Amino acid sequence: MKNLQKILCISIVLMLLPFTTIASGQQRVSKKSFKVRSLVKVELKSSTKFYLGVCPKTIKMTGIITLSKAMSVKYYFVKYDGVLSKSKPVTSQMAKGLNHVHFSWKINKDCQAWVQLVVKTLSSKVKSKKVEIKVNCDEEKSTKPPITKFNRGRQYKPELVKAITFHVNKNSLTKLKTMTDLELSKIELQSDTIKDYQKLFISVHVKNKGGTLAPPCKLAIIFHKSGGASNCVDHVAFNLDFPSLGPGHSGVWHYNFKNFCIGKWSFNMMVNNKATIPEHILENNKGSGEFTVIQ
């Protein structure tokens, strides 16, 4: 009989155990559901964090208070020395979402400090991160007007000097940037001595330093003999075709000449010699050289 009673008691306890667990779980859930954070976040932004210049300097700050619901909030700004922005915290009825509050601080001397925004609600107190400020006053400059000393015995009138102005034609500058500028930078001879009536090989280095394409033009070269046999031609001129050259591009062109008699020869060369291509300067289009013809 006693064993039967024990069995009945154990059975009743096992039957009631799940209900007690569920009830306690519901009680925990209900407690959690009442814990709603009213204040979400507090931020502080400064218009200037580092300043070097004339003092006094006014530093402006903006606090951002984000609320999950409308409520009454107390806030104040506190500086590094513990001084509040006002004698007592400001109480304000704020709306749900973002709320902006402002603070300004006029600094008259060198300062390395921080400012913090503190917000209080009925259920919590939240502080923003400290915003650090550094101000270096330039003592050489002054906000006060300079004191002018007058010689009361004799006063001088200031002399008026006419201002000198320079006028630049911007259209001309633009035109120069876009013009072609050919430059004959180097002339190379395969040999400065050749035999009688042997071919003369010349390499010509040209660069377009301008901003536009240089179309085809002419390359003029004039040979002149000084000394040697007098029974041969001592003056020879050529006007050769020169190809186009893109802006900023450079190249080497090779030419060969023959039928030079014995003697010392010199030559002058010029690219775009007839100025068919508009250029700002033509002096860098020229070059010269010398060679000798032997028997």
Protein backbone atom coordinates (compact mmCIF):
# COMPACT_ATOMS: atom_id res chain seq x y z
CA MET A 1 0.00 0.00 0.00
CA LYS A 2 2.82 2.39 0.87
CA ASN A 3 4.54 1.62 -2.41
CA LEU A 4 1.35 2.44 -4.28
CA GLN A 5 1.13 5.82 -2.55
CA LYS A 6 4.72 6.64 -3.46
CA ILE A 7 4.08 5.77 -7.08
CA LEU A 8 0.97 8.02 -7.16
CA CYS A 9 2.90 10.95 -5.65
CA ILE A 10 5.76 10.65 -8.14
CA SER A 11 3.28 10.48 -11.03
CA ILE A 12 1.48 13.67 -9.89
CA VAL A 13 4.82 15.56 -9.58
CA LEU A 14 5.91 14.49 -13.06
CA MET A 15 2.57 15.59 -14.50
CA LEU A 16 2.76 19.10 -12.93
CA LEU A 17 6.46 19.73 -13.76
CA PRO A 18 6.00 20.87 -17.45
CA PHE A 19 3.34 23.42 -16.45
CA THR A 20 5.58 25.02 -13.84
CA THR A 21 8.45 25.26 -16.37
CA ILE A 22 6.22 26.96 -18.97
CA ALA A 23 4.88 29.43 -16.41
CA SER A 24 8.36 30.41 -15.25
CA GLY A 25 9.51 30.81 -18.87
CA GLN A 26 6.54 33.07 -19.62
CA GLN A 27 7.40 35.12 -16.57
CA ARG A 28 11.01 35.58 -17.80
CA VAL A 29 9.85 36.58 -21.28
CA SER A 30 7.45 39.12 -19.88
CA LYS A 31 10.20 40.70 -17.76
CA LYS A 32 12.47 40.99 -20.79
CA SER A 33 9.71 42.53 -22.89
CA PHE A 34 9.47 45.49 -20.49
CA LYS A 35 13.18 46.36 -20.86
CA VAL A 36 13.09 48.82 -23.80
CA ARG A 37 16.04 51.15 -24.31
CA SER A 38 14.71 54.67 -24.57
CA LEU A 39 18.04 56.34 -25.49
CA VAL A 40 19.81 54.95 -28.53
CA LYS A 41 22.92 57.03 -29.11
CA VAL A 42 24.65 60.32 -28.28
CA GLU A 43 27.20 61.87 -30.66
CA LEU A 44 29.19 65.11 -30.69
CA LYS A 45 30.77 66.82 -33.69
CA SER A 46 33.06 69.87 -33.77
CA SER A 47 33.48 72.41 -36.57
CA THR A 48 37.20 72.69 -35.73
CA LYS A 49 39.52 70.22 -34.02
CA PHE A 50 42.80 71.99 -34.72
CA TYR A 51 43.24 75.74 -35.23
CA LEU A 52 46.29 77.91 -35.90
CA GLY A 53 45.71 81.62 -36.33
CA VAL A 54 44.40 84.79 -34.80
CA CYS A 55 42.53 84.56 -31.49
CA PRO A 56 39.89 84.70 -30.12
CA LYS A 57 38.53 81.71 -32.02
CA THR A 58 34.96 80.45 -31.64
CA ILE A 59 34.60 76.66 -31.74
CA LYS A 60 31.12 75.47 -32.69
CA MET A 61 29.84 72.01 -31.74
CA THR A 62 26.73 70.02 -32.60
CA GLY A 63 25.34 67.22 -30.46
CA ILE A 64 23.15 64.51 -31.98
CA ILE A 65 20.73 62.75 -29.62
CA THR A 66 18.94 59.74 -31.11
CA LEU A 67 15.83 58.55 -29.24
CA SER A 68 13.66 55.51 -29.74
CA LYS A 69 10.58 57.48 -28.64
CA ALA A 70 9.56 61.03 -27.71
CA MET A 71 10.47 61.98 -24.14
CA SER A 72 11.78 64.70 -21.84
CA VAL A 73 15.59 64.87 -21.84
CA LYS A 74 18.13 66.81 -19.80
CA TYR A 75 21.47 67.57 -21.41
CA TYR A 76 24.56 69.69 -20.89
CA PHE A 77 28.03 70.17 -22.34
CA VAL A 78 30.98 69.81 -20.01
CA LYS A 79 34.52 71.02 -20.73
CA TYR A 80 37.85 69.52 -19.70
CA ASP A 81 38.03 71.74 -16.60
CA GLY A 82 34.63 70.55 -15.35
CA VAL A 83 32.82 73.78 -16.27
CA LEU A 84 29.35 73.33 -17.73
CA SER A 85 28.19 75.19 -20.80
CA LYS A 86 25.34 76.64 -18.68
CA SER A 87 24.70 76.97 -14.98
CA LYS A 88 22.29 74.02 -15.02
CA PRO A 89 21.30 71.25 -17.46
CA VAL A 90 18.79 72.13 -20.19
CA THR A 91 15.49 70.26 -20.07
CA SER A 92 13.85 69.70 -23.45
CA GLN A 93 10.99 67.65 -24.82
CA MET A 94 12.54 65.80 -27.74
CA ALA A 95 10.94 63.86 -30.55
CA LYS A 96 11.65 60.34 -31.68
CA GLY A 97 14.70 60.04 -33.92
CA LEU A 98 17.51 62.55 -34.38
CA ASN A 99 17.64 65.70 -32.25
CA HIS A 100 20.36 68.32 -32.65
CA VAL A 101 21.70 70.54 -29.86
CA HIS A 102 24.39 73.20 -30.24
CA PHE A 103 27.23 74.67 -28.20
CA SER A 104 29.89 77.32 -28.93
CA TRP A 105 33.08 78.12 -27.05
CA LYS A 106 35.20 81.26 -27.58
CA ILE A 107 38.87 80.53 -26.90
CA ASN A 108 41.24 83.47 -26.28
CA LYS A 109 44.57 81.69 -25.80
CA ASP A 110 46.48 78.52 -26.58
CA CYS A 111 44.41 75.57 -25.49
CA GLN A 112 44.44 71.79 -25.64
CA ALA A 113 41.16 70.55 -24.19
CA TRP A 114 38.10 68.37 -24.71
CA VAL A 115 34.31 68.75 -24.63
CA GLN A 116 31.68 66.10 -23.89
CA LEU A 117 27.89 65.99 -24.22
CA VAL A 118 26.00 64.38 -21.30
CA VAL A 119 22.34 63.35 -21.69
CA LYS A 120 19.99 62.18 -18.91
CA THR A 121 16.59 60.52 -19.18
CA LEU A 122 14.33 59.04 -16.52
CA SER A 123 15.96 55.65 -16.92
CA SER A 124 19.52 56.29 -18.02
CA LYS A 125 22.49 58.61 -18.35
CA VAL A 126 24.57 58.57 -21.53
CA LYS A 127 27.77 60.43 -22.42
CA SER A 128 29.19 61.10 -25.85
CA LYS A 129 32.78 60.45 -26.76
CA LYS A 130 35.10 63.31 -25.83
CA VAL A 131 35.96 65.61 -28.71
CA GLU A 132 39.51 66.92 -28.41
CA ILE A 133 40.36 70.50 -29.44
CA LYS A 134 43.73 72.16 -29.96
CA VAL A 135 44.08 75.92 -30.53
CA ASN A 136 47.39 77.68 -31.22
CA CYS A 137 47.08 81.46 -31.28
CA ASP A 138 49.44 83.26 -33.67
CA GLU A 139 50.80 86.09 -31.56
CA GLU A 140 52.32 87.89 -34.55
CA LYS A 141 48.84 88.70 -35.82
CA SER A 142 46.40 90.79 -33.84
CA THR A 143 42.71 91.49 -34.11
CA LYS A 144 43.27 95.02 -32.76
CA PRO A 145 43.94 97.80 -35.31
CA PRO A 146 47.56 99.04 -35.31
CA ILE A 147 48.27 102.21 -33.34
CA THR A 148 49.44 105.00 -35.63
CA LYS A 149 51.84 107.54 -34.16
CA PHE A 150 51.50 111.08 -35.49
CA ASN A 151 54.12 113.81 -35.46
CA ARG A 152 51.98 116.71 -34.33
CA GLY A 153 54.63 119.23 -35.27
CA ARG A 154 54.63 118.19 -38.92
CA GLN A 155 52.31 115.84 -40.75
CA TYR A 156 53.02 114.21 -44.06
CA LYS A 157 50.48 113.30 -46.65
CA PRO A 158 50.83 109.85 -48.11
CA GLU A 159 52.03 109.66 -51.68
CA LEU A 160 49.76 108.01 -54.17
CA VAL A 161 51.51 105.41 -56.29
CA LYS A 162 49.84 104.06 -59.37
CA ALA A 163 49.36 100.34 -59.27
CA ILE A 164 51.20 98.39 -61.95
CA THR A 165 49.02 95.81 -63.62
CA PHE A 166 49.91 93.17 -66.16
CA HIS A 167 47.35 92.08 -68.69
CA VAL A 168 47.69 88.61 -70.17
CA ASN A 169 45.77 87.60 -73.23
CA LYS A 170 44.37 84.20 -72.24
CA ASN A 171 43.40 83.48 -75.83
CA SER A 172 47.05 83.87 -76.87
CA LEU A 173 48.19 81.51 -74.08
CA THR A 174 45.66 78.90 -75.16
CA LYS A 175 46.77 79.27 -78.76
CA LEU A 176 50.43 78.78 -77.83
CA LYS A 177 49.63 75.59 -75.92
CA THR A 178 47.86 74.13 -78.92
CA MET A 179 50.41 75.24 -81.57
CA THR A 180 52.97 72.97 -83.19
CA ASP A 181 56.57 73.35 -82.04
CA LEU A 182 59.08 71.38 -84.09
CA GLU A 183 62.60 71.13 -82.70
CA LEU A 184 65.63 69.90 -84.66
CA SER A 185 67.44 68.53 -81.64
CA LYS A 186 70.37 66.60 -83.18
CA ILE A 187 72.19 65.92 -86.46
CA GLU A 188 74.45 62.88 -86.83
CA LEU A 189 76.90 62.10 -89.65
CA GLN A 190 77.88 58.50 -90.31
CA SER A 191 81.37 59.87 -90.90
CA ASP A 192 82.76 63.39 -91.05
CA THR A 193 85.18 62.26 -93.77
CA ILE A 194 84.14 60.66 -97.06
CA LYS A 195 85.95 59.88 -100.31
CA ASP A 196 85.49 61.69 -103.56
CA TYR A 197 81.86 61.26 -104.82
CA GLN A 198 81.05 58.80 -102.02
CA LYS A 199 77.60 58.94 -100.37
CA LEU A 200 77.11 61.10 -97.27
CA PHE A 201 74.66 59.70 -94.69
CA ILE A 202 72.92 62.15 -92.32
CA SER A 203 70.52 61.28 -89.47
CA VAL A 204 68.15 64.05 -88.37
CA HIS A 205 66.45 63.98 -84.90
CA VAL A 206 63.22 66.01 -84.72
CA LYS A 207 60.65 66.35 -81.91
CA ASN A 208 57.20 67.94 -81.90
CA LYS A 209 57.05 69.76 -78.53
CA GLY A 210 53.68 71.33 -79.33
CA GLY A 211 50.16 70.26 -78.52
CA THR A 212 48.88 69.52 -82.03
CA LEU A 213 49.81 67.30 -84.95
CA ALA A 214 52.49 68.69 -87.25
CA PRO A 215 51.37 68.01 -90.84
CA PRO A 216 53.90 67.20 -93.59
CA CYS A 217 56.26 70.04 -94.48
CA LYS A 218 59.62 70.67 -96.13
CA LEU A 219 63.16 70.08 -94.88
CA ALA A 220 65.69 72.41 -96.55
CA ILE A 221 69.44 71.71 -96.58
CA ILE A 222 72.14 73.80 -98.25
CA PHE A 223 75.70 72.52 -98.80
CA HIS A 224 78.60 74.95 -99.34
CA LYS A 225 82.23 74.07 -100.17
CA SER A 226 85.17 76.10 -98.96
CA GLY A 227 88.57 75.39 -100.47
CA GLY A 228 89.71 72.47 -102.60
CA ALA A 229 89.32 72.10 -106.36
CA SER A 230 87.65 75.02 -108.09
CA ASN A 231 86.39 73.16 -111.10
CA CYS A 232 83.39 71.59 -109.30
CA VAL A 233 80.08 72.83 -107.96
CA ASP A 234 80.55 74.45 -104.54
CA HIS A 235 76.93 75.18 -103.71
CA VAL A 236 74.13 72.55 -103.55
CA ALA A 237 70.58 72.96 -102.12
CA PHE A 238 67.80 70.44 -101.48
CA ASN A 239 64.18 70.90 -100.46
CA LEU A 240 63.02 67.53 -99.13
CA ASP A 241 59.63 66.22 -98.02
CA PHE A 242 59.32 65.83 -94.25
CA PRO A 243 56.55 63.56 -92.83
CA SER A 244 53.90 64.45 -90.21
CA LEU A 245 54.72 64.20 -86.49
CA GLY A 246 52.23 63.80 -83.63
CA PRO A 247 52.16 66.03 -80.53
CA GLY A 248 54.92 65.08 -78.08
CA HIS A 249 56.37 62.56 -80.53
CA SER A 250 59.95 62.44 -81.81
CA GLY A 251 61.75 60.48 -84.49
CA VAL A 252 64.93 60.02 -86.52
CA TRP A 253 64.99 60.39 -90.28
CA HIS A 254 67.90 59.26 -92.48
CA TYR A 255 69.03 60.95 -95.69
CA ASN A 256 71.92 60.28 -98.07
CA PHE A 257 73.58 62.63 -100.52
CA LYS A 258 76.32 62.10 -103.16
CA ASN A 259 78.40 63.79 -105.89
CA PHE A 260 80.53 65.87 -103.54
CA CYS A 261 83.94 66.79 -104.91
CA ILE A 262 87.15 67.10 -102.89
CA GLY A 263 87.25 69.84 -100.29
CA LYS A 264 85.80 71.02 -96.97
CA TRP A 265 82.03 71.26 -96.84
CA SER A 266 79.56 72.80 -94.42
CA PHE A 267 75.79 72.63 -94.41
CA ASN A 268 72.77 74.34 -92.84
CA MET A 269 69.47 72.56 -92.31
CA MET A 270 65.98 73.74 -91.35
CA VAL A 271 62.71 71.88 -90.93
CA ASN A 272 59.49 73.73 -91.88
CA ASN A 273 61.70 76.28 -93.64
CA LYS A 274 58.77 77.84 -95.54
CA ALA A 275 56.72 78.15 -92.31
CA THR A 276 53.78 76.31 -93.80
CA ILE A 277 53.05 75.07 -90.25
CA PRO A 278 52.23 77.86 -87.71
CA GLU A 279 54.81 77.78 -84.93
CA HIS A 280 55.52 80.09 -82.00
CA ILE A 281 59.28 79.94 -82.59
CA LEU A 282 61.35 78.79 -85.59
CA GLU A 283 64.87 79.19 -84.20
CA ASN A 284 64.87 75.65 -82.79
CA ASN A 285 64.11 74.25 -86.27
CA LYS A 286 67.69 74.86 -87.47
CA GLY A 287 70.90 72.84 -87.42
CA SER A 288 74.32 72.70 -89.09
CA GLY A 289 77.36 70.50 -89.60
CA GLU A 290 80.68 70.00 -91.41
CA PHE A 291 82.45 67.23 -93.27
CA THR A 292 85.51 66.72 -95.53
CA VAL A 293 85.77 64.97 -98.89
CA ILE A 294 89.13 63.36 -99.64
CA GLN A 295 90.53 61.68 -102.76
